[in-house]
Structures are given as structure tokens and as C-alpha cells.
Amino acid sequence: MPDDVEVLKKLGHLEQLLVLLTRTQLEPVLQKEFADPRMQKLYELTGTHGQRELKKELNMSANTISDAWKRWEQMGLLVREGQEYRRVL
């Protein structure tokens, strides 16, 4: 029976492969979604700042932010946790 260290190494390797495959498939989608640098910044700050702070910092309306979050949740780029969103990537 493999020890815990071996299992963790194999899981780490599988995680690396999964990230590589996911990024390869998502690259065209991400380029389209983040063509506007403000949208990329919004994604990067999601989960670390509230909507009010993001509105001020990015000069975006609440509707723009909310619409982006809903779209990204449907695409699987965000996960909703209670009242907040968490980035997947």
C-alpha cells in the first residue's frame, strides 16, 4: 500500500495536469472575457473586495459588476459561497 507521501505526490501531479488541460481549453474564453482590462481586474479582485469598493476602484456600475459575476458563475469561472463569489482560477 502506498504511503501518504506517494499519494500526495501523485495528487499534486494530477492537479498540475488538470490545471494545464483546463487553461488550454479556457484560454480563448478568458481572452474574450478579459479583453477589457477592467474586467480582468474585476475578476482578480473578486472575493477580496466588496461590490462597493470595486465600483469605486474600477469605475464600474453595480449592474456591470453583477452581470459579469452572474455570467462568470454560469461559465464556471466563479463559485457562489453564501452572499459572495470565489474565483475558480
C-alpha atoms as a PDB file:
ATOM      1  CA  MET A   1       0.000   0.000   0.000  1.00  0.00           C
ATOM      2  CA  PRO A   2       1.457   3.395  -0.978  1.00  0.00           C
ATOM      3  CA  ASP A   3       2.369   5.760   1.797  1.00  0.00           C
ATOM      4  CA  ASP A   4       0.856   9.214   2.240  1.00  0.00           C
ATOM      5  CA  VAL A   5       3.837  10.983   0.657  1.00  0.00           C
ATOM      6  CA  GLU A   6       3.458   8.986  -2.571  1.00  0.00           C
ATOM      7  CA  VAL A   7      -0.261   9.643  -2.699  1.00  0.00           C
ATOM      8  CA  LEU A   8       0.270  13.368  -2.167  1.00  0.00           C
ATOM      9  CA  LYS A   9       2.912  13.480  -4.917  1.00  0.00           C
ATOM     10  CA  LYS A  10       0.567  11.739  -7.339  1.00  0.00           C
ATOM     11  CA  LEU A  11      -2.297  14.054  -6.420  1.00  0.00           C
ATOM     12  CA  GLY A  12      -0.027  17.053  -6.935  1.00  0.00           C
ATOM     13  CA  HIS A  13       0.944  15.754 -10.361  1.00  0.00           C
ATOM     14  CA  LEU A  14      -2.697  15.166 -11.284  1.00  0.00           C
ATOM     15  CA  GLU A  15      -3.540  18.692 -10.148  1.00  0.00           C
ATOM     16  CA  GLN A  16      -0.799  20.137 -12.371  1.00  0.00           C
ATOM     17  CA  LEU A  17      -2.090  18.185 -15.370  1.00  0.00           C
ATOM     18  CA  LEU A  18      -5.659  19.272 -14.689  1.00  0.00           C
ATOM     19  CA  VAL A  19      -4.615  22.926 -14.470  1.00  0.00           C
ATOM     20  CA  LEU A  20      -2.720  22.612 -17.761  1.00  0.00           C
ATOM     21  CA  LEU A  21      -5.667  20.997 -19.545  1.00  0.00           C
ATOM     22  CA  THR A  22      -8.135  23.491 -18.105  1.00  0.00           C
ATOM     23  CA  ARG A  23      -6.067  26.515 -19.072  1.00  0.00           C
ATOM     24  CA  THR A  24      -5.596  25.178 -22.596  1.00  0.00           C
ATOM     25  CA  GLN A  25      -9.340  24.795 -23.039  1.00  0.00           C
ATOM     26  CA  LEU A  26     -10.254  28.051 -21.317  1.00  0.00           C
ATOM     27  CA  GLU A  27      -7.662  30.323 -22.923  1.00  0.00           C
ATOM     28  CA  PRO A  28      -9.918  31.502 -25.804  1.00  0.00           C
ATOM     29  CA  VAL A  29     -12.807  32.103 -23.398  1.00  0.00           C
ATOM     30  CA  LEU A  30     -10.613  34.032 -20.977  1.00  0.00           C
ATOM     31  CA  GLN A  31      -9.129  36.183 -23.736  1.00  0.00           C
ATOM     32  CA  LYS A  32     -12.618  37.175 -24.852  1.00  0.00           C
ATOM     33  CA  GLU A  33     -13.925  37.790 -21.322  1.00  0.00           C
ATOM     34  CA  PHE A  34     -10.883  39.770 -20.250  1.00  0.00           C
ATOM     35  CA  ALA A  35     -10.322  41.807 -23.416  1.00  0.00           C
ATOM     36  CA  ASP A  36     -11.248  44.830 -21.297  1.00  0.00           C
ATOM     37  CA  PRO A  37      -8.503  45.202 -18.655  1.00  0.00           C
ATOM     38  CA  ARG A  38     -11.090  46.418 -16.139  1.00  0.00           C
ATOM     39  CA  MET A  39     -12.926  43.094 -16.438  1.00  0.00           C
ATOM     40  CA  GLN A  40      -9.712  41.193 -15.809  1.00  0.00           C
ATOM     41  CA  LYS A  41      -9.046  43.383 -12.775  1.00  0.00           C
ATOM     42  CA  LEU A  42     -12.622  42.786 -11.582  1.00  0.00           C
ATOM     43  CA  TYR A  43     -12.067  39.043 -11.807  1.00  0.00           C
ATOM     44  CA  GLU A  44      -8.734  39.275  -9.978  1.00  0.00           C
ATOM     45  CA  LEU A  45     -10.287  41.305  -7.142  1.00  0.00           C
ATOM     46  CA  THR A  46     -13.451  39.207  -6.856  1.00  0.00           C
ATOM     47  CA  GLY A  47     -13.603  37.584  -3.446  1.00  0.00           C
ATOM     48  CA  THR A  48     -11.211  40.091  -1.888  1.00  0.00           C
ATOM     49  CA  HIS A  49     -13.285  43.274  -2.194  1.00  0.00           C
ATOM     50  CA  GLY A  50     -16.960  44.048  -1.849  1.00  0.00           C
ATOM     51  CA  GLN A  51     -19.040  45.430  -4.695  1.00  0.00           C
ATOM     52  CA  ARG A  52     -18.945  48.988  -3.315  1.00  0.00           C
ATOM     53  CA  GLU A  53     -15.146  49.020  -3.220  1.00  0.00           C
ATOM     54  CA  LEU A  54     -14.963  47.529  -6.712  1.00  0.00           C
ATOM     55  CA  LYS A  55     -17.367  50.148  -8.076  1.00  0.00           C
ATOM     56  CA  LYS A  56     -15.105  52.927  -6.837  1.00  0.00           C
ATOM     57  CA  GLU A  57     -11.778  51.320  -7.701  1.00  0.00           C
ATOM     58  CA  LEU A  58     -12.766  50.192 -11.218  1.00  0.00           C
ATOM     59  CA  ASN A  59     -15.250  52.969 -12.006  1.00  0.00           C
ATOM     60  CA  MET A  60     -17.958  50.425 -12.883  1.00  0.00           C
ATOM     61  CA  SER A  61     -21.649  50.365 -12.183  1.00  0.00           C
ATOM     62  CA  ALA A  62     -23.147  47.839  -9.798  1.00  0.00           C
ATOM     63  CA  ASN A  63     -25.096  46.359 -12.724  1.00  0.00           C
ATOM     64  CA  THR A  64     -21.919  45.811 -14.763  1.00  0.00           C
ATOM     65  CA  ILE A  65     -20.267  44.036 -11.844  1.00  0.00           C
ATOM     66  CA  SER A  66     -23.337  41.972 -11.026  1.00  0.00           C
ATOM     67  CA  ASP A  67     -23.853  40.967 -14.668  1.00  0.00           C
ATOM     68  CA  ALA A  68     -20.207  39.927 -15.004  1.00  0.00           C
ATOM     69  CA  TRP A  69     -20.381  37.847 -11.825  1.00  0.00           C
ATOM     70  CA  LYS A  70     -23.561  36.089 -12.948  1.00  0.00           C
ATOM     71  CA  ARG A  71     -22.080  35.392 -16.397  1.00  0.00           C
ATOM     72  CA  TRP A  72     -18.837  34.090 -14.886  1.00  0.00           C
ATOM     73  CA  GLU A  73     -20.765  31.892 -12.464  1.00  0.00           C
ATOM     74  CA  GLN A  74     -22.666  30.347 -15.373  1.00  0.00           C
ATOM     75  CA  MET A  75     -19.373  29.808 -17.203  1.00  0.00           C
ATOM     76  CA  GLY A  76     -17.869  28.136 -14.139  1.00  0.00           C
ATOM     77  CA  LEU A  77     -15.257  30.847 -13.529  1.00  0.00           C
ATOM     78  CA  LEU A  78     -16.819  31.786 -10.181  1.00  0.00           C
ATOM     79  CA  VAL A  79     -18.490  29.825  -7.415  1.00  0.00           C
ATOM     80  CA  ARG A  80     -21.054  31.412  -5.165  1.00  0.00           C
ATOM     81  CA  GLU A  81     -20.458  30.915  -1.449  1.00  0.00           C
ATOM     82  CA  GLY A  82     -23.333  32.391   0.503  1.00  0.00           C
ATOM     83  CA  GLN A  83     -23.556  36.058  -0.452  1.00  0.00           C
ATOM     84  CA  GLU A  84     -20.090  36.169  -2.015  1.00  0.00           C
ATOM     85  CA  TYR A  85     -18.266  34.793  -5.042  1.00  0.00           C
ATOM     86  CA  ARG A  86     -14.988  32.911  -5.122  1.00  0.00           C
ATOM     87  CA  ARG A  87     -12.732  32.668  -8.163  1.00  0.00           C
ATOM     88  CA  VAL A  88     -12.085  29.210  -9.547  1.00  0.00           C
ATOM     89  CA  LEU A  89      -8.857  30.114 -11.335  1.00  0.00           C
END
